[in-house]
Amino acid sequence: MEIVIENFKPKVTRPFKRKNEYWIKLILSEGEEYIMKFKTPLEAEDAVYGMLDDLQVYGGKVKLKLREGNVIEKIEVLELHKPSAKELVQEYFGG
């Protein structure tokens, strides 16, 4: 199943071992949870601090290919909601 989520800004858990895999939970503010599974802890850490880092900070529009149990097989970032430097400065100074 494929779904598109307009404002995907997950909270990402630290990798944890489940069976012989390393899992990461992606939790959305609406209470939805998605799971990513990896073979090694290094792969899981790379996902958290690499691919998922910008989504955690800025959010974006993504297409998820899911299998049963909300397990993500593939994640495609369609658009990253990264603010401009001007927007960041205005937000910082409350303007």
N, C-alpha and C. Protein backbone atom coordinates (compact mmCIF):
# COMPACT_ATOMS: atom_id res chain seq x y z
N MET A 1 0.85 -1.17 0.00
CA MET A 1 0.00 0.00 0.00
C MET A 1 0.90 1.24 0.00
N GLU A 2 0.52 2.23 -0.78
CA GLU A 2 1.25 3.50 -0.81
C GLU A 2 0.34 4.62 -0.33
N ILE A 3 0.91 5.49 0.51
CA ILE A 3 0.16 6.66 0.97
C ILE A 3 1.07 7.88 0.87
N VAL A 4 0.45 9.04 0.72
CA VAL A 4 1.18 10.31 0.71
C VAL A 4 0.75 11.08 1.94
N ILE A 5 1.72 11.55 2.70
CA ILE A 5 1.45 12.36 3.90
C ILE A 5 1.99 13.75 3.64
N GLU A 6 1.12 14.75 3.73
CA GLU A 6 1.48 16.13 3.42
C GLU A 6 2.46 16.73 4.42
N ASN A 7 2.17 16.58 5.72
CA ASN A 7 3.02 17.20 6.75
C ASN A 7 3.61 16.10 7.63
N PHE A 8 4.66 15.48 7.15
CA PHE A 8 5.30 14.36 7.83
C PHE A 8 6.48 14.90 8.63
N LYS A 9 6.28 15.06 9.93
CA LYS A 9 7.34 15.54 10.83
C LYS A 9 7.36 14.62 12.05
N PRO A 10 8.02 13.48 11.91
CA PRO A 10 7.95 12.47 12.97
C PRO A 10 8.92 12.71 14.11
N LYS A 11 8.53 12.21 15.27
CA LYS A 11 9.48 12.04 16.36
C LYS A 11 10.04 10.64 16.16
N VAL A 12 11.34 10.50 16.20
CA VAL A 12 11.97 9.22 15.89
C VAL A 12 12.60 8.65 17.15
N THR A 13 12.27 7.39 17.44
CA THR A 13 12.84 6.74 18.62
C THR A 13 14.26 6.28 18.32
N ARG A 14 14.99 6.05 19.37
CA ARG A 14 16.31 5.44 19.22
C ARG A 14 16.10 4.01 18.74
N PRO A 15 17.04 3.47 17.97
CA PRO A 15 16.89 2.08 17.51
C PRO A 15 16.84 1.12 18.69
N PHE A 16 15.97 0.13 18.60
CA PHE A 16 15.92 -0.90 19.62
C PHE A 16 15.85 -2.27 18.95
N LYS A 17 16.37 -3.26 19.64
CA LYS A 17 16.45 -4.61 19.06
C LYS A 17 15.15 -5.35 19.32
N ARG A 18 14.65 -5.94 18.26
CA ARG A 18 13.44 -6.76 18.35
C ARG A 18 13.67 -7.97 17.48
N LYS A 19 13.65 -9.15 18.05
CA LYS A 19 14.00 -10.39 17.36
C LYS A 19 15.45 -10.24 16.87
N ASN A 20 15.72 -10.42 15.59
CA ASN A 20 17.08 -10.25 15.07
C ASN A 20 17.18 -8.99 14.21
N GLU A 21 16.33 -8.01 14.50
CA GLU A 21 16.30 -6.77 13.72
C GLU A 21 16.42 -5.58 14.67
N TYR A 22 16.71 -4.45 14.08
CA TYR A 22 16.74 -3.19 14.82
C TYR A 22 15.62 -2.33 14.28
N TRP A 23 14.75 -1.88 15.17
CA TRP A 23 13.56 -1.14 14.78
C TRP A 23 13.68 0.32 15.20
N ILE A 24 13.06 1.16 14.41
CA ILE A 24 12.89 2.57 14.73
C ILE A 24 11.41 2.87 14.59
N LYS A 25 10.84 3.57 15.56
CA LYS A 25 9.45 4.01 15.45
C LYS A 25 9.43 5.47 15.04
N LEU A 26 8.57 5.80 14.09
CA LEU A 26 8.34 7.17 13.67
C LEU A 26 6.95 7.54 14.16
N ILE A 27 6.87 8.48 15.08
CA ILE A 27 5.61 8.82 15.72
C ILE A 27 5.20 10.23 15.27
N LEU A 28 3.99 10.32 14.71
CA LEU A 28 3.47 11.61 14.26
C LEU A 28 2.65 12.26 15.36
N SER A 29 2.47 13.57 15.28
CA SER A 29 1.73 14.30 16.32
C SER A 29 0.28 13.84 16.41
N GLU A 30 -0.27 13.27 15.32
CA GLU A 30 -1.64 12.78 15.34
C GLU A 30 -1.75 11.43 16.05
N GLY A 31 -0.64 10.89 16.53
CA GLY A 31 -0.65 9.62 17.24
C GLY A 31 -0.38 8.42 16.34
N GLU A 32 -0.23 8.64 15.05
CA GLU A 32 0.08 7.53 14.15
C GLU A 32 1.52 7.10 14.35
N GLU A 33 1.77 5.79 14.22
CA GLU A 33 3.12 5.25 14.35
C GLU A 33 3.47 4.42 13.13
N TYR A 34 4.70 4.58 12.68
CA TYR A 34 5.23 3.77 11.59
C TYR A 34 6.52 3.14 12.07
N ILE A 35 6.90 2.03 11.47
CA ILE A 35 8.09 1.30 11.90
C ILE A 35 9.03 1.12 10.72
N MET A 36 10.32 1.30 10.95
CA MET A 36 11.34 0.96 9.97
C MET A 36 12.20 -0.12 10.61
N LYS A 37 12.54 -1.15 9.81
CA LYS A 37 13.34 -2.26 10.31
C LYS A 37 14.68 -2.31 9.58
N PHE A 38 15.73 -2.64 10.33
CA PHE A 38 17.08 -2.71 9.78
C PHE A 38 17.77 -3.97 10.28
N LYS A 39 18.80 -4.39 9.55
CA LYS A 39 19.54 -5.60 9.92
C LYS A 39 20.61 -5.32 10.97
N THR A 40 21.19 -4.11 10.95
CA THR A 40 22.27 -3.79 11.89
C THR A 40 21.97 -2.48 12.60
N PRO A 41 22.57 -2.29 13.78
CA PRO A 41 22.36 -1.02 14.50
C PRO A 41 22.96 0.16 13.73
N LEU A 42 24.03 -0.08 12.97
CA LEU A 42 24.65 1.00 12.20
C LEU A 42 23.71 1.52 11.11
N GLU A 43 23.03 0.62 10.42
CA GLU A 43 22.04 1.04 9.41
C GLU A 43 20.94 1.87 10.04
N ALA A 44 20.48 1.45 11.20
CA ALA A 44 19.42 2.17 11.90
C ALA A 44 19.89 3.56 12.32
N GLU A 45 21.09 3.66 12.88
CA GLU A 45 21.64 4.96 13.29
C GLU A 45 21.82 5.88 12.07
N ASP A 46 22.28 5.32 10.95
CA ASP A 46 22.44 6.11 9.73
C ASP A 46 21.12 6.70 9.28
N ALA A 47 20.04 5.93 9.40
CA ALA A 47 18.72 6.43 9.01
C ALA A 47 18.28 7.56 9.93
N VAL A 48 18.48 7.39 11.23
CA VAL A 48 18.04 8.41 12.19
C VAL A 48 18.81 9.72 11.99
N TYR A 49 20.13 9.63 11.85
CA TYR A 49 20.94 10.85 11.77
C TYR A 49 21.21 11.29 10.35
N GLY A 50 20.76 10.54 9.38
CA GLY A 50 20.95 10.90 7.98
C GLY A 50 19.63 11.25 7.33
N MET A 51 18.99 10.26 6.76
CA MET A 51 17.78 10.45 5.99
C MET A 51 16.65 11.09 6.79
N LEU A 52 16.46 10.69 8.03
CA LEU A 52 15.32 11.17 8.81
C LEU A 52 15.58 12.48 9.54
N ASP A 53 16.82 12.92 9.58
CA ASP A 53 17.18 14.11 10.36
C ASP A 53 16.43 15.36 9.89
N ASP A 54 16.45 15.64 8.59
CA ASP A 54 15.76 16.82 8.07
C ASP A 54 14.26 16.73 8.28
N LEU A 55 13.69 15.54 8.14
CA LEU A 55 12.24 15.39 8.35
C LEU A 55 11.86 15.66 9.80
N GLN A 56 12.73 15.26 10.75
CA GLN A 56 12.45 15.51 12.16
C GLN A 56 12.46 17.00 12.47
N VAL A 57 13.37 17.72 11.83
CA VAL A 57 13.54 19.14 12.11
C VAL A 57 12.52 20.00 11.35
N TYR A 58 12.39 19.75 10.04
CA TYR A 58 11.59 20.63 9.20
C TYR A 58 10.24 20.05 8.78
N GLY A 59 10.15 18.76 8.66
CA GLY A 59 8.94 18.14 8.13
C GLY A 59 8.94 18.19 6.61
N GLY A 60 7.99 17.51 6.01
CA GLY A 60 7.92 17.49 4.56
C GLY A 60 6.77 16.65 4.06
N LYS A 61 6.67 16.58 2.76
CA LYS A 61 5.67 15.74 2.09
C LYS A 61 6.37 14.47 1.65
N VAL A 62 5.84 13.32 2.06
CA VAL A 62 6.48 12.05 1.75
C VAL A 62 5.48 11.05 1.16
N LYS A 63 6.04 10.10 0.42
CA LYS A 63 5.25 8.96 -0.06
C LYS A 63 5.83 7.73 0.64
N LEU A 64 4.97 7.00 1.32
CA LEU A 64 5.39 5.80 2.04
C LEU A 64 4.82 4.57 1.38
N LYS A 65 5.67 3.58 1.18
CA LYS A 65 5.21 2.26 0.73
C LYS A 65 5.20 1.40 1.99
N LEU A 66 4.01 0.94 2.37
CA LEU A 66 3.83 0.23 3.64
C LEU A 66 3.44 -1.22 3.41
N ARG A 67 3.82 -2.05 4.36
CA ARG A 67 3.27 -3.40 4.42
C ARG A 67 2.52 -3.53 5.75
N GLU A 68 1.99 -4.66 6.01
CA GLU A 68 1.16 -4.88 7.19
C GLU A 68 1.85 -4.43 8.47
N GLY A 69 1.09 -3.82 9.37
CA GLY A 69 1.62 -3.37 10.64
C GLY A 69 2.29 -2.01 10.56
N ASN A 70 1.97 -1.23 9.52
CA ASN A 70 2.58 0.10 9.32
C ASN A 70 4.10 0.05 9.24
N VAL A 71 4.62 -1.01 8.63
CA VAL A 71 6.07 -1.14 8.43
C VAL A 71 6.42 -0.47 7.11
N ILE A 72 7.35 0.47 7.16
CA ILE A 72 7.77 1.21 5.97
C ILE A 72 8.76 0.36 5.17
N GLU A 73 8.40 0.09 3.93
CA GLU A 73 9.32 -0.61 3.02
C GLU A 73 10.17 0.40 2.25
N LYS A 74 9.55 1.54 1.92
CA LYS A 74 10.25 2.56 1.15
C LYS A 74 9.68 3.92 1.54
N ILE A 75 10.57 4.89 1.69
CA ILE A 75 10.14 6.25 1.99
C ILE A 75 10.75 7.16 0.92
N GLU A 76 9.90 7.98 0.32
CA GLU A 76 10.34 8.91 -0.71
C GLU A 76 9.95 10.32 -0.29
N VAL A 77 10.94 11.19 -0.13
CA VAL A 77 10.67 12.58 0.25
C VAL A 77 10.32 13.35 -1.03
N LEU A 78 9.08 13.82 -1.10
CA LEU A 78 8.61 14.56 -2.26
C LEU A 78 8.93 16.05 -2.15
N GLU A 79 8.90 16.55 -0.92
CA GLU A 79 9.13 17.97 -0.69
C GLU A 79 9.57 18.15 0.75
N LEU A 80 10.60 18.95 0.96
CA LEU A 80 11.08 19.24 2.31
C LEU A 80 10.64 20.65 2.67
N HIS A 81 10.01 20.81 3.82
CA HIS A 81 9.52 22.12 4.24
C HIS A 81 10.62 22.89 4.97
N LYS A 82 11.70 23.14 4.28
CA LYS A 82 12.85 23.80 4.89
C LYS A 82 12.68 25.31 4.73
N PRO A 83 12.60 26.04 5.83
CA PRO A 83 12.41 27.49 5.74
C PRO A 83 13.67 28.20 5.23
N SER A 84 13.46 29.36 4.67
CA SER A 84 14.59 30.16 4.20
C SER A 84 15.29 30.77 5.41
N ALA A 85 16.48 31.29 5.19
CA ALA A 85 17.24 31.96 6.26
C ALA A 85 16.43 33.16 6.78
N LYS A 86 15.78 33.88 5.89
CA LYS A 86 14.98 35.04 6.30
C LYS A 86 13.85 34.61 7.25
N GLU A 87 13.18 33.50 6.93
CA GLU A 87 12.11 33.01 7.78
C GLU A 87 12.64 32.58 9.15
N LEU A 88 13.81 31.94 9.15
CA LEU A 88 14.41 31.52 10.42
C LEU A 88 14.76 32.71 11.30
N VAL A 89 15.32 33.75 10.70
CA VAL A 89 15.69 34.96 11.45
C VAL A 89 14.43 35.62 12.00
N GLN A 90 13.40 35.72 11.17
CA GLN A 90 12.14 36.34 11.63
C GLN A 90 11.54 35.54 12.78
N GLU A 91 11.57 34.23 12.67
CA GLU A 91 11.04 33.39 13.74
C GLU A 91 11.86 33.56 15.02
N TYR A 92 13.18 33.61 14.88
CA TYR A 92 14.06 33.74 16.04
C TYR A 92 13.82 35.06 16.78
N PHE A 93 13.66 36.14 16.03
CA PHE A 93 13.48 37.46 16.64
C PHE A 93 11.99 37.79 16.87
N GLY A 94 11.13 36.80 16.66
CA GLY A 94 9.72 37.00 16.95
C GLY A 94 8.99 37.93 16.01
N GLY A 95 9.50 38.05 14.79
CA GLY A 95 8.88 38.99 13.86
C GLY A 95 8.06 38.28 12.90
